[in-house]
Structures are given as C-alpha cells and as structure tokens.
Amino acid sequence: MLLGLGGNNGSTVTAAILANKHRLSWHTKEGLQHANYLVSRKSLLTENQYKAERVVLN
C-alpha cells in the first residue's frame, strides 16, 4: 500500500479521496468547481496519455 502511494497515481487518488471527503471547492474561469470522483478519475486516465508508454487501466 505504501509503495502505491509513492507514485503519481497513488498521490492523485489520495488527493481525490481527501478532496471529496472534505467537499472542497474552488473558483475557475468557468465558475465554482466542486470536487467529485468523476473528474478525479478522468485526471488519472488523461495523465497517462503524455507518457511514452501506453498504460491500460482495467
């Protein structure tokens, strides 16, 4: 478990869980945004697009 949290995806998942738990929100150009698991998961999936190797998430 600790090894998994050391990588980029582990820290992203941890941040998403905490943001949703504490119901964080922030202001953007488009308006007020709230933390939700759908957007957090999308961030995880798009992060791997920019790496040289393709990672398939099942």
PDB file of N, CA and C in Angstrom:
ATOM      1  N   MET A   1       0.825  -1.192   0.000  1.00  0.00           N
ATOM      2  CA  MET A   1       0.000   0.000   0.000  1.00  0.00           C
ATOM      3  C   MET A   1       0.871   1.258   0.000  1.00  0.00           C
ATOM      4  N   LEU A   2       1.892   1.291   0.837  1.00  0.00           N
ATOM      5  CA  LEU A   2       2.745   2.476   0.895  1.00  0.00           C
ATOM      6  C   LEU A   2       3.511   2.685  -0.398  1.00  0.00           C
ATOM      7  N   LEU A   3       3.923   1.610  -1.048  1.00  0.00           N
ATOM      8  CA  LEU A   3       4.604   1.746  -2.335  1.00  0.00           C
ATOM      9  C   LEU A   3       3.693   2.376  -3.372  1.00  0.00           C
ATOM     10  N   GLY A   4       2.436   1.973  -3.400  1.00  0.00           N
ATOM     11  CA  GLY A   4       1.477   2.520  -4.353  1.00  0.00           C
ATOM     12  C   GLY A   4       1.227   4.003  -4.143  1.00  0.00           C
ATOM     13  N   LEU A   5       1.259   4.458  -2.906  1.00  0.00           N
ATOM     14  CA  LEU A   5       1.019   5.870  -2.622  1.00  0.00           C
ATOM     15  C   LEU A   5       2.201   6.746  -3.018  1.00  0.00           C
ATOM     16  N   GLY A   6       3.368   6.146  -3.226  1.00  0.00           N
ATOM     17  CA  GLY A   6       4.546   6.925  -3.569  1.00  0.00           C
ATOM     18  C   GLY A   6       4.556   7.435  -4.995  1.00  0.00           C
ATOM     19  N   GLY A   7       3.795   6.829  -5.889  1.00  0.00           N
ATOM     20  CA  GLY A   7       3.790   7.234  -7.290  1.00  0.00           C
ATOM     21  C   GLY A   7       2.802   8.348  -7.574  1.00  0.00           C
ATOM     22  N   ASN A   8       2.788   8.801  -8.827  1.00  0.00           N
ATOM     23  CA  ASN A   8       1.885   9.879  -9.230  1.00  0.00           C
ATOM     24  C   ASN A   8       0.422   9.488  -9.078  1.00  0.00           C
ATOM     25  N   ASN A   9       0.064   8.301  -9.529  1.00  0.00           N
ATOM     26  CA  ASN A   9      -1.334   7.890  -9.448  1.00  0.00           C
ATOM     27  C   ASN A   9      -1.781   7.700  -8.007  1.00  0.00           C
ATOM     28  N   GLY A  10      -0.901   7.189  -7.166  1.00  0.00           N
ATOM     29  CA  GLY A  10      -1.247   6.994  -5.757  1.00  0.00           C
ATOM     30  C   GLY A  10      -1.526   8.305  -5.056  1.00  0.00           C
ATOM     31  N   SER A  11      -0.691   9.304  -5.312  1.00  0.00           N
ATOM     32  CA  SER A  11      -0.909  10.602  -4.678  1.00  0.00           C
ATOM     33  C   SER A  11      -2.131  11.301  -5.262  1.00  0.00           C
ATOM     34  N   THR A  12      -2.411  11.095  -6.550  1.00  0.00           N
ATOM     35  CA  THR A  12      -3.602  11.677  -7.168  1.00  0.00           C
ATOM     36  C   THR A  12      -4.869  11.073  -6.574  1.00  0.00           C
ATOM     37  N   VAL A  13      -4.880   9.760  -6.396  1.00  0.00           N
ATOM     38  CA  VAL A  13      -6.048   9.090  -5.809  1.00  0.00           C
ATOM     39  C   VAL A  13      -6.248   9.552  -4.374  1.00  0.00           C
ATOM     40  N   THR A  14      -5.160   9.645  -3.617  1.00  0.00           N
ATOM     41  CA  THR A  14      -5.253  10.098  -2.228  1.00  0.00           C
ATOM     42  C   THR A  14      -5.806  11.516  -2.159  1.00  0.00           C
ATOM     43  N   ALA A  15      -5.319  12.394  -3.022  1.00  0.00           N
ATOM     44  CA  ALA A  15      -5.812  13.774  -3.054  1.00  0.00           C
ATOM     45  C   ALA A  15      -7.287  13.822  -3.432  1.00  0.00           C
ATOM     46  N   ALA A  16      -7.706  12.992  -4.376  1.00  0.00           N
ATOM     47  CA  ALA A  16      -9.113  12.955  -4.790  1.00  0.00           C
ATOM     48  C   ALA A  16     -10.003  12.491  -3.649  1.00  0.00           C
ATOM     49  N   ILE A  17      -9.575  11.471  -2.930  1.00  0.00           N
ATOM     50  CA  ILE A  17     -10.362  10.964  -1.799  1.00  0.00           C
ATOM     51  C   ILE A  17     -10.504  12.037  -0.729  1.00  0.00           C
ATOM     52  N   LEU A  18      -9.405  12.710  -0.405  1.00  0.00           N
ATOM     53  CA  LEU A  18      -9.459  13.758   0.617  1.00  0.00           C
ATOM     54  C   LEU A  18     -10.292  14.955   0.162  1.00  0.00           C
ATOM     55  N   ALA A  19     -10.167  15.343  -1.109  1.00  0.00           N
ATOM     56  CA  ALA A  19     -10.946  16.472  -1.629  1.00  0.00           C
ATOM     57  C   ALA A  19     -12.437  16.178  -1.566  1.00  0.00           C
ATOM     58  N   ASN A  20     -12.819  14.950  -1.905  1.00  0.00           N
ATOM     59  CA  ASN A  20     -14.231  14.584  -1.845  1.00  0.00           C
ATOM     60  C   ASN A  20     -14.716  14.453  -0.413  1.00  0.00           C
ATOM     61  N   LYS A  21     -13.883  13.917   0.453  1.00  0.00           N
ATOM     62  CA  LYS A  21     -14.249  13.752   1.863  1.00  0.00           C
ATOM     63  C   LYS A  21     -14.526  15.108   2.507  1.00  0.00           C
ATOM     64  N   HIS A  22     -13.689  16.093   2.193  1.00  0.00           N
ATOM     65  CA  HIS A  22     -13.816  17.424   2.793  1.00  0.00           C
ATOM     66  C   HIS A  22     -14.646  18.381   1.935  1.00  0.00           C
ATOM     67  N   ARG A  23     -15.217  17.865   0.845  1.00  0.00           N
ATOM     68  CA  ARG A  23     -16.093  18.644  -0.051  1.00  0.00           C
ATOM     69  C   ARG A  23     -15.450  19.967  -0.472  1.00  0.00           C
ATOM     70  N   LEU A  24     -14.238  19.879  -0.998  1.00  0.00           N
ATOM     71  CA  LEU A  24     -13.513  21.073  -1.423  1.00  0.00           C
ATOM     72  C   LEU A  24     -14.135  21.687  -2.673  1.00  0.00           C
ATOM     73  N   SER A  25     -14.005  23.003  -2.789  1.00  0.00           N
ATOM     74  CA  SER A  25     -14.449  23.714  -3.987  1.00  0.00           C
ATOM     75  C   SER A  25     -13.463  24.849  -4.252  1.00  0.00           C
ATOM     76  N   TRP A  26     -13.440  25.322  -5.507  1.00  0.00           N
ATOM     77  CA  TRP A  26     -12.518  26.377  -5.898  1.00  0.00           C
ATOM     78  C   TRP A  26     -13.115  27.137  -7.072  1.00  0.00           C
ATOM     79  N   HIS A  27     -12.625  28.358  -7.289  1.00  0.00           N
ATOM     80  CA  HIS A  27     -13.111  29.207  -8.373  1.00  0.00           C
ATOM     81  C   HIS A  27     -12.211  29.058  -9.595  1.00  0.00           C
ATOM     82  N   THR A  28     -12.832  28.952 -10.776  1.00  0.00           N
ATOM     83  CA  THR A  28     -12.112  28.918 -12.044  1.00  0.00           C
ATOM     84  C   THR A  28     -12.739  29.954 -12.968  1.00  0.00           C
ATOM     85  N   LYS A  29     -12.226  30.059 -14.191  1.00  0.00           N
ATOM     86  CA  LYS A  29     -12.814  30.972 -15.176  1.00  0.00           C
ATOM     87  C   LYS A  29     -14.262  30.607 -15.476  1.00  0.00           C
ATOM     88  N   GLU A  30     -14.563  29.302 -15.434  1.00  0.00           N
ATOM     89  CA  GLU A  30     -15.912  28.826 -15.751  1.00  0.00           C
ATOM     90  C   GLU A  30     -16.868  28.930 -14.569  1.00  0.00           C
ATOM     91  N   GLY A  31     -16.369  29.253 -13.384  1.00  0.00           N
ATOM     92  CA  GLY A  31     -17.221  29.366 -12.208  1.00  0.00           C
ATOM     93  C   GLY A  31     -16.732  28.476 -11.080  1.00  0.00           C
ATOM     94  N   LEU A  32     -17.600  28.269 -10.122  1.00  0.00           N
ATOM     95  CA  LEU A  32     -17.257  27.474  -8.948  1.00  0.00           C
ATOM     96  C   LEU A  32     -17.220  25.992  -9.301  1.00  0.00           C
ATOM     97  N   GLN A  33     -16.132  25.323  -8.952  1.00  0.00           N
ATOM     98  CA  GLN A  33     -15.977  23.889  -9.196  1.00  0.00           C
ATOM     99  C   GLN A  33     -15.960  23.157  -7.861  1.00  0.00           C
ATOM    100  N   HIS A  34     -16.563  21.986  -7.835  1.00  0.00           N
ATOM    101  CA  HIS A  34     -16.588  21.153  -6.638  1.00  0.00           C
ATOM    102  C   HIS A  34     -15.858  19.852  -6.928  1.00  0.00           C
ATOM    103  N   ALA A  35     -15.214  19.313  -5.917  1.00  0.00           N
ATOM    104  CA  ALA A  35     -14.532  18.025  -6.065  1.00  0.00           C
ATOM    105  C   ALA A  35     -15.562  16.933  -6.296  1.00  0.00           C
ATOM    106  N   ASN A  36     -15.274  16.043  -7.253  1.00  0.00           N
ATOM    107  CA  ASN A  36     -16.113  14.869  -7.460  1.00  0.00           C
ATOM    108  C   ASN A  36     -15.254  13.749  -8.016  1.00  0.00           C
ATOM    109  N   TYR A  37     -15.688  12.522  -7.816  1.00  0.00           N
ATOM    110  CA  TYR A  37     -14.883  11.375  -8.213  1.00  0.00           C
ATOM    111  C   TYR A  37     -14.795  11.220  -9.724  1.00  0.00           C
ATOM    112  N   LEU A  38     -15.785  11.660 -10.475  1.00  0.00           N
ATOM    113  CA  LEU A  38     -15.765  11.511 -11.924  1.00  0.00           C
ATOM    114  C   LEU A  38     -14.615  12.306 -12.534  1.00  0.00           C
ATOM    115  N   VAL A  39     -14.476  13.551 -12.165  1.00  0.00           N
ATOM    116  CA  VAL A  39     -13.400  14.388 -12.693  1.00  0.00           C
ATOM    117  C   VAL A  39     -12.050  13.890 -12.193  1.00  0.00           C
ATOM    118  N   SER A  40     -11.985  13.444 -10.948  1.00  0.00           N
ATOM    119  CA  SER A  40     -10.733  12.928 -10.399  1.00  0.00           C
ATOM    120  C   SER A  40     -10.268  11.709 -11.179  1.00  0.00           C
ATOM    121  N   ARG A  41     -11.185  10.836 -11.513  1.00  0.00           N
ATOM    122  CA  ARG A  41     -10.839   9.632 -12.265  1.00  0.00           C
ATOM    123  C   ARG A  41     -10.388  10.005 -13.677  1.00  0.00           C
ATOM    124  N   LYS A  42     -11.044  11.001 -14.279  1.00  0.00           N
ATOM    125  CA  LYS A  42     -10.652  11.451 -15.613  1.00  0.00           C
ATOM    126  C   LYS A  42      -9.224  11.981 -15.591  1.00  0.00           C
ATOM    127  N   SER A  43      -8.840  12.676 -14.544  1.00  0.00           N
ATOM    128  CA  SER A  43      -7.478  13.183 -14.427  1.00  0.00           C
ATOM    129  C   SER A  43      -6.472  12.045 -14.392  1.00  0.00           C
ATOM    130  N   LEU A  44      -6.812  10.978 -13.707  1.00  0.00           N
ATOM    131  CA  LEU A  44      -5.926   9.812 -13.657  1.00  0.00           C
ATOM    132  C   LEU A  44      -5.743   9.203 -15.035  1.00  0.00           C
ATOM    133  N   LEU A  45      -6.827   9.112 -15.794  1.00  0.00           N
ATOM    134  CA  LEU A  45      -6.758   8.482 -17.104  1.00  0.00           C
ATOM    135  C   LEU A  45      -6.002   9.345 -18.103  1.00  0.00           C
ATOM    136  N   THR A  46      -6.190  10.657 -18.070  1.00  0.00           N
ATOM    137  CA  THR A  46      -5.532  11.526 -19.043  1.00  0.00           C
ATOM    138  C   THR A  46      -4.067  11.750 -18.701  1.00  0.00           C
ATOM    139  N   GLU A  47      -3.684  11.565 -17.454  1.00  0.00           N
ATOM    140  CA  GLU A  47      -2.288  11.757 -17.068  1.00  0.00           C
ATOM    141  C   GLU A  47      -1.379  10.809 -17.834  1.00  0.00           C
ATOM    142  N   ASN A  48      -1.840   9.604 -18.094  1.00  0.00           N
ATOM    143  CA  ASN A  48      -1.020   8.599 -18.759  1.00  0.00           C
ATOM    144  C   ASN A  48      -0.899   8.830 -20.264  1.00  0.00           C
ATOM    145  N   GLN A  49      -1.676   9.712 -20.859  1.00  0.00           N
ATOM    146  CA  GLN A  49      -1.597   9.978 -22.290  1.00  0.00           C
ATOM    147  C   GLN A  49      -0.261  10.605 -22.667  1.00  0.00           C
ATOM    148  N   TYR A  50       0.349  11.320 -21.756  1.00  0.00           N
ATOM    149  CA  TYR A  50       1.546  12.078 -22.074  1.00  0.00           C
ATOM    150  C   TYR A  50       2.828  11.303 -21.813  1.00  0.00           C
ATOM    151  N   LYS A  51       2.717  10.078 -21.380  1.00  0.00           N
ATOM    152  CA  LYS A  51       3.893   9.243 -21.155  1.00  0.00           C
ATOM    153  C   LYS A  51       4.238   8.504 -22.437  1.00  0.00           C
ATOM    154  N   ALA A  52       5.483   8.108 -22.578  1.00  0.00           N
ATOM    155  CA  ALA A  52       5.936   7.421 -23.788  1.00  0.00           C
ATOM    156  C   ALA A  52       5.288   6.054 -23.939  1.00  0.00           C
ATOM    157  N   GLU A  53       5.051   5.369 -22.840  1.00  0.00           N
ATOM    158  CA  GLU A  53       4.441   4.053 -22.921  1.00  0.00           C
ATOM    159  C   GLU A  53       2.935   4.152 -22.676  1.00  0.00           C
ATOM    160  N   ARG A  54       2.196   3.253 -23.278  1.00  0.00           N
ATOM    161  CA  ARG A  54       0.749   3.237 -23.112  1.00  0.00           C
ATOM    162  C   ARG A  54       0.409   2.354 -21.918  1.00  0.00           C
ATOM    163  N   VAL A  55      -0.426   2.878 -21.023  1.00  0.00           N
ATOM    164  CA  VAL A  55      -0.844   2.132 -19.843  1.00  0.00           C
ATOM    165  C   VAL A  55      -2.331   1.858 -19.972  1.00  0.00           C
ATOM    166  N   VAL A  56      -2.719   0.599 -19.877  1.00  0.00           N
ATOM    167  CA  VAL A  56      -4.123   0.213 -19.985  1.00  0.00           C
ATOM    168  C   VAL A  56      -4.671   0.000 -18.586  1.00  0.00           C
ATOM    169  N   LEU A  57      -5.737   0.720 -18.247  1.00  0.00           N
ATOM    170  CA  LEU A  57      -6.387   0.571 -16.948  1.00  0.00           C
ATOM    171  C   LEU A  57      -7.608  -0.313 -17.097  1.00  0.00           C
ATOM    172  N   ASN A  58      -7.677  -1.359 -16.321  1.00  0.00           N
ATOM    173  CA  ASN A  58      -8.828  -2.267 -16.373  1.00  0.00           C
ATOM    174  C   ASN A  58      -9.746  -2.020 -15.220  1.00  0.00           C
TER     175      ASN A  58
END
